[in-house]
Each structure stands twice: as structure tokens, then as C-alpha cells.
N, C-alpha and C. Protein backbone atom coordinates (compact mmCIF):
# COMPACT_ATOMS: atom_id res chain seq x y z
N MET A 1 32.44 7.69 100.45
CA MET A 1 31.40 8.00 101.43
C MET A 1 32.08 9.32 101.69
N THR A 2 30.95 10.74 101.80
CA THR A 2 31.18 11.85 102.11
C THR A 2 31.17 12.43 103.32
N ALA A 3 31.54 13.13 104.09
CA ALA A 3 31.75 13.36 105.61
C ALA A 3 30.45 14.67 105.87
N THR A 4 30.06 14.85 106.55
CA THR A 4 29.30 15.94 106.97
C THR A 4 30.18 17.27 107.50
N PRO A 5 30.01 18.19 107.01
CA PRO A 5 30.59 19.30 107.68
C PRO A 5 30.47 19.54 109.05
N PRO A 6 31.37 20.11 109.75
CA PRO A 6 31.25 20.59 111.40
C PRO A 6 30.20 21.54 111.40
N ALA A 7 29.68 21.88 112.17
CA ALA A 7 28.73 22.96 112.49
C ALA A 7 29.69 24.47 112.14
N ALA A 8 30.82 24.42 112.70
CA ALA A 8 31.63 25.66 112.32
C ALA A 8 31.96 26.25 110.36
N ALA A 9 31.68 25.08 110.22
CA ALA A 9 31.93 25.30 108.58
C ALA A 9 30.67 25.60 107.58
N VAL A 10 29.52 25.88 108.86
CA VAL A 10 28.26 26.44 107.96
C VAL A 10 28.17 27.57 108.09
N ALA A 11 27.83 28.65 107.03
CA ALA A 11 27.83 29.88 107.01
C ALA A 11 27.06 30.52 108.32
N PRO A 12 27.46 31.51 108.98
CA PRO A 12 26.84 31.77 110.33
C PRO A 12 25.44 32.39 110.08
N ALA A 13 25.28 33.22 108.73
CA ALA A 13 23.74 33.57 108.72
C ALA A 13 22.70 32.23 108.28
N ALA A 14 23.39 31.60 107.48
CA ALA A 14 22.23 30.23 107.36
C ALA A 14 22.13 29.64 108.56
N TYR A 15 23.05 29.34 109.39
CA TYR A 15 23.04 28.54 110.88
C TYR A 15 21.91 28.99 111.70
N MET A 16 21.99 30.68 111.73
CA MET A 16 21.14 31.37 112.67
C MET A 16 19.87 31.54 112.37
N ALA A 17 19.58 31.23 110.74
CA ALA A 17 18.30 31.52 110.06
C ALA A 17 17.59 30.16 110.56
N LEU A 18 18.14 29.19 110.95
CA LEU A 18 17.75 27.78 111.09
C LEU A 18 17.16 27.42 112.60
N SER A 19 18.37 28.19 113.46
CA SER A 19 18.11 27.97 114.81
C SER A 19 17.48 28.86 115.77
N ALA A 20 17.32 30.11 114.91
CA ALA A 20 16.73 31.35 115.72
C ALA A 20 15.28 31.36 115.90
N PRO A 21 14.59 31.37 117.02
CA PRO A 21 13.42 31.26 117.42
C PRO A 21 12.73 32.68 116.64
N ARG A 22 11.47 32.47 116.05
CA ARG A 22 10.94 33.82 115.62
C ARG A 22 9.98 33.98 116.35
N LEU A 23 9.79 35.40 117.13
CA LEU A 23 8.40 35.86 117.76
C LEU A 23 7.08 35.72 116.88
N PRO A 24 5.92 35.70 117.75
CA PRO A 24 5.07 35.65 116.77
C PRO A 24 4.64 37.02 116.13
N ARG A 25 3.79 37.24 115.29
CA ARG A 25 3.40 38.32 114.90
C ARG A 25 2.40 39.25 115.73
N ALA A 26 2.43 40.09 115.58
CA ALA A 26 1.53 40.78 116.65
C ALA A 26 -0.14 40.87 115.96
N THR A 27 -0.57 40.02 115.98
CA THR A 27 -1.71 39.60 115.09
C THR A 27 -3.00 39.32 116.28
N ALA A 28 -2.46 38.75 117.41
CA ALA A 28 -3.53 38.33 118.31
C ALA A 28 -4.49 39.45 118.77
N LYS A 29 -5.57 39.11 118.85
CA LYS A 29 -6.27 39.86 119.53
C LYS A 29 -6.52 40.03 121.02
N ALA A 30 -7.18 40.88 121.85
CA ALA A 30 -7.40 40.76 123.01
C ALA A 30 -8.17 39.60 123.72
N GLY A 31 -9.14 38.96 122.91
CA GLY A 31 -9.87 37.76 123.34
C GLY A 31 -8.77 36.33 123.22
N ASP A 32 -8.01 36.62 122.18
CA ASP A 32 -6.98 35.55 122.16
C ASP A 32 -5.74 35.58 123.36
N ALA A 33 -5.56 36.54 123.51
CA ALA A 33 -4.40 36.62 124.78
C ALA A 33 -5.27 36.52 125.94
N ALA A 34 -6.47 36.52 126.36
CA ALA A 34 -7.28 36.59 127.21
C ALA A 34 -7.38 34.86 127.55
N ALA A 35 -7.90 34.41 126.61
CA ALA A 35 -7.98 32.92 126.17
C ALA A 35 -6.60 32.11 126.55
N THR A 36 -5.68 32.37 126.00
CA THR A 36 -4.15 31.78 126.53
C THR A 36 -3.74 32.10 127.68
N ALA A 37 -3.82 33.45 128.47
CA ALA A 37 -3.60 33.69 129.81
C ALA A 37 -4.56 32.66 130.78
N GLN A 38 -5.86 32.80 130.38
CA GLN A 38 -6.64 31.89 131.32
C GLN A 38 -6.11 30.21 131.19
N SER A 39 -5.44 29.81 130.08
CA SER A 39 -5.22 28.46 129.80
C SER A 39 -3.67 28.19 130.66
N PHE A 40 -2.89 29.55 130.23
CA PHE A 40 -1.47 29.21 131.30
C PHE A 40 -1.84 29.12 132.86
N GLU A 41 -2.92 30.01 133.33
CA GLU A 41 -3.26 30.06 134.74
C GLU A 41 -3.82 28.56 134.75
N ALA A 42 -4.68 27.93 134.19
CA ALA A 42 -5.50 26.62 134.25
C ALA A 42 -4.33 25.47 134.41
N VAL A 43 -3.09 25.65 133.74
CA VAL A 43 -1.82 24.72 133.80
C VAL A 43 -0.93 24.81 134.81
N PHE A 44 -1.04 26.40 135.59
CA PHE A 44 -0.11 26.83 136.71
C PHE A 44 -0.96 25.87 137.71
N VAL A 45 -2.06 26.37 137.86
CA VAL A 45 -2.91 25.63 139.06
C VAL A 45 -2.94 24.17 138.99
N GLY A 46 -3.27 23.85 137.82
CA GLY A 46 -3.24 22.05 137.78
C GLY A 46 -1.69 21.72 138.39
N GLN A 47 -0.92 22.00 137.99
CA GLN A 47 0.37 21.75 138.50
C GLN A 47 0.87 21.91 139.89
N MET A 48 0.12 22.96 140.26
CA MET A 48 0.22 23.04 142.18
C MET A 48 -0.55 22.07 142.66
N ILE A 49 -1.77 21.84 142.14
CA ILE A 49 -2.71 20.89 142.82
C ILE A 49 -2.01 19.41 142.87
N ARG A 50 -0.98 19.22 141.34
CA ARG A 50 -0.91 18.09 141.38
C ARG A 50 0.20 17.29 142.41
N ILE A 51 1.21 18.61 142.63
CA ILE A 51 2.20 18.86 143.62
C ILE A 51 1.54 18.41 144.84
N MET A 52 0.40 18.95 145.07
CA MET A 52 0.02 18.96 146.45
C MET A 52 -0.58 17.88 147.01
N MET A 53 -1.36 17.22 145.98
CA MET A 53 -1.69 15.92 146.01
C MET A 53 -0.74 14.82 145.82
N ASP A 54 0.48 15.00 145.58
CA ASP A 54 1.46 13.81 145.50
C ASP A 54 2.27 13.70 146.87
N THR A 55 1.85 15.22 147.60
CA THR A 55 2.59 15.03 148.97
C THR A 55 1.58 14.79 150.20
N ALA A 56 0.41 14.64 149.70
CA ALA A 56 -0.71 14.37 150.66
C ALA A 56 -0.53 12.82 150.90
N PRO A 57 -0.84 12.57 152.32
CA PRO A 57 -0.84 10.91 152.44
C PRO A 57 -1.93 10.09 151.60
N ALA A 58 -1.57 9.19 151.14
CA ALA A 58 -2.37 8.76 149.89
C ALA A 58 -2.60 7.12 150.76
N ASP A 59 -3.09 7.01 151.98
CA ASP A 59 -3.16 5.65 152.87
C ASP A 59 -4.48 5.92 153.58
N GLY A 60 -5.30 5.01 153.84
CA GLY A 60 -6.35 4.89 154.85
C GLY A 60 -7.56 4.17 154.01
N PRO A 61 -8.70 4.10 154.96
CA PRO A 61 -9.76 3.45 154.22
C PRO A 61 -10.57 4.38 153.03
N PHE A 62 -10.34 5.42 152.68
CA PHE A 62 -11.35 5.92 151.75
C PHE A 62 -10.23 6.12 150.88
N THR A 63 -9.03 5.55 150.02
CA THR A 63 -8.34 6.00 148.87
C THR A 63 -8.85 5.23 147.79
N GLY A 64 -8.43 5.60 146.78
CA GLY A 64 -9.20 4.75 145.24
C GLY A 64 -8.13 3.99 145.22
N GLY A 65 -6.95 3.71 145.84
CA GLY A 65 -6.17 2.63 145.44
C GLY A 65 -5.12 3.16 144.18
N HIS A 66 -5.16 2.00 143.42
CA HIS A 66 -4.51 1.92 142.00
C HIS A 66 -5.17 2.89 141.10
N GLY A 67 -6.13 2.81 140.94
CA GLY A 67 -7.02 3.51 140.02
C GLY A 67 -6.87 5.03 140.47
N GLU A 68 -6.95 5.33 141.61
CA GLU A 68 -6.81 7.04 141.85
C GLU A 68 -5.59 7.06 141.73
N GLU A 69 -4.31 6.27 141.96
CA GLU A 69 -3.19 6.61 141.62
C GLU A 69 -3.07 7.00 139.94
N MET A 70 -3.49 6.20 139.00
CA MET A 70 -3.80 6.35 137.91
C MET A 70 -4.34 7.51 137.58
N PHE A 71 -5.12 8.30 137.78
CA PHE A 71 -5.84 9.09 137.35
C PHE A 71 -5.98 10.50 138.15
N ARG A 72 -4.89 10.38 139.21
CA ARG A 72 -4.62 11.85 139.89
C ARG A 72 -4.25 12.93 139.07
N GLY A 73 -3.33 12.74 138.23
CA GLY A 73 -2.86 13.90 137.30
C GLY A 73 -4.23 14.35 136.41
N VAL A 74 -4.94 13.67 136.08
CA VAL A 74 -6.36 14.04 135.21
C VAL A 74 -7.25 14.70 136.40
N LEU A 75 -7.23 14.44 137.29
CA LEU A 75 -8.02 15.09 138.42
C LEU A 75 -7.14 16.31 138.71
N ALA A 76 -6.12 16.48 138.85
CA ALA A 76 -5.46 17.79 139.19
C ALA A 76 -5.35 18.65 137.93
N GLU A 77 -5.47 18.19 136.88
CA GLU A 77 -5.81 19.24 135.63
C GLU A 77 -7.12 19.63 135.30
N LYS A 78 -8.13 18.98 135.60
CA LYS A 78 -9.47 19.37 135.47
C LYS A 78 -9.78 20.34 136.77
N MET A 79 -9.26 19.91 137.59
CA MET A 79 -9.48 21.01 138.93
C MET A 79 -8.83 22.34 138.76
N GLY A 80 -7.35 22.43 137.84
CA GLY A 80 -7.00 23.22 137.61
C GLY A 80 -7.79 24.19 136.62
N ASP A 81 -8.36 23.53 135.57
CA ASP A 81 -9.23 24.15 134.63
C ASP A 81 -10.65 24.90 135.43
N ALA A 82 -10.88 24.14 136.19
CA ALA A 82 -12.52 24.78 136.91
C ALA A 82 -11.91 26.21 137.92
N ILE A 83 -10.73 25.76 138.17
CA ILE A 83 -10.73 26.87 139.19
C ILE A 83 -10.04 28.18 137.97
N ALA A 84 -9.52 27.84 137.36
CA ALA A 84 -8.98 29.10 136.48
C ALA A 84 -10.33 29.82 135.60
N ALA A 85 -11.43 28.75 135.08
CA ALA A 85 -12.39 29.20 135.05
C ALA A 85 -13.29 30.24 135.69
N ARG A 86 -13.22 30.22 137.07
CA ARG A 86 -14.07 30.80 137.94
C ARG A 86 -13.08 31.80 138.32
N GLY A 87 -12.25 32.59 137.68
CA GLY A 87 -11.55 33.60 138.29
C GLY A 87 -9.99 33.33 138.59
N GLY A 88 -9.75 31.92 138.95
CA GLY A 88 -8.32 31.68 139.45
C GLY A 88 -7.91 32.25 140.61
N PHE A 89 -6.69 32.50 140.75
CA PHE A 89 -5.52 32.91 141.45
C PHE A 89 -5.34 34.33 141.20
N GLY A 90 -5.98 34.95 140.00
CA GLY A 90 -5.43 36.14 139.58
C GLY A 90 -4.51 36.36 138.65
N LEU A 91 -3.82 35.01 138.05
CA LEU A 91 -2.44 35.24 137.32
C LEU A 91 -3.17 35.77 136.03
N ALA A 92 -4.29 35.37 135.57
CA ALA A 92 -4.52 35.67 133.77
C ALA A 92 -4.58 37.03 133.47
N PRO A 93 -5.01 37.85 134.33
CA PRO A 93 -4.79 39.47 133.77
C PRO A 93 -3.41 39.90 133.73
N THR A 94 -2.58 39.48 134.73
CA THR A 94 -1.16 39.81 134.61
C THR A 94 -0.67 39.09 133.23
N VAL A 95 -0.84 38.01 132.93
CA VAL A 95 -0.01 37.32 131.90
C VAL A 95 -0.91 37.77 130.74
N MET A 96 -1.97 38.43 130.91
CA MET A 96 -2.43 39.08 129.44
C MET A 96 -1.89 39.95 128.98
N THR A 97 -1.53 41.21 130.32
CA THR A 97 -1.30 42.43 129.85
C THR A 97 0.39 42.14 129.34
N ARG A 98 1.09 41.19 129.87
CA ARG A 98 2.64 40.70 129.48
C ARG A 98 2.39 40.22 127.85
N ILE A 99 1.44 39.50 127.62
CA ILE A 99 1.20 38.88 126.25
C ILE A 99 1.11 40.14 124.89
N LEU A 100 -0.04 41.21 125.45
CA LEU A 100 -0.13 42.09 124.72
C LEU A 100 0.84 43.02 124.67
N ARG A 101 1.66 43.04 125.76
CA ARG A 101 2.54 44.27 125.69
C ARG A 101 3.89 43.50 124.80
N MET A 102 3.94 42.41 125.29
CA MET A 102 4.90 41.74 124.22
C MET A 102 4.73 41.68 122.81
N GLN A 103 3.54 41.63 122.34
CA GLN A 103 2.92 41.79 121.02
C GLN A 103 3.04 43.39 120.39
N GLY A 104 3.13 44.28 121.31
CA GLY A 104 3.06 45.55 120.78
C GLY A 104 1.76 46.39 120.98
N ALA A 105 1.08 45.68 121.69
CA ALA A 105 -0.65 46.16 121.78
C ALA A 105 -0.60 46.65 123.43
N THR A 106 -1.36 47.57 123.68
CA THR A 106 -1.88 48.07 124.90
C THR A 106 -2.99 47.24 125.45
N ALA A 107 -2.95 47.12 126.66
CA ALA A 107 -4.18 46.67 127.32
C ALA A 107 -5.14 47.49 127.68
């Protein structure tokens, strides 16, 4: 039976090569960055809506019961997508600028 060497016994360069995250190449176009930024904003807004819906009272004569409870996350996600597609809260332009800056491009 052979023992596995401890992490300290592995050559440091080999260990770093396996575990270090690599930055993406600066090949994304502005359109790709815009789509990514809009997608980020949609997820962000959807999460805010989900949290808002979780804190709202879910009782009364016009609630959807267990079905509403099951699909509340999907509704929040779709609302986030719709809000971001129509301009959102203005996060996408800032996120896009940061993406392009990180890739070495200019906005």
C-alpha cells in the first residue's frame, strides 16, 4: 500500500499551476461584455426580487398556495430578466466598463 504524499511534499510550482485560477484572455468584444453585464444585472435584480418576495406576507385570499411557493424563485428570475432587458437599474453599463477594463480594453 502506497501513501499519498502530503501537500507540502508536492513541488510548489506544480501545485500553483494546478490551483491558481487563470484570467480569461482579452478577446471578448464589447457586445459580449454588454451581454455579460446585462446577464449579471438580471441575476442581481432577480435575487433582490426573490428576497423581497420572501419577506412579503404570503397569507390572504389571493395567494397561490403551495404552487406559488414552488415557483416563486422562477418568477423572481424572470422578473429580473425582464427588468434588465428594459434598462434595469443602471448596473450593466458600469459592469461592462469594469469587464472591459479588466480585459485591457477601453469602453
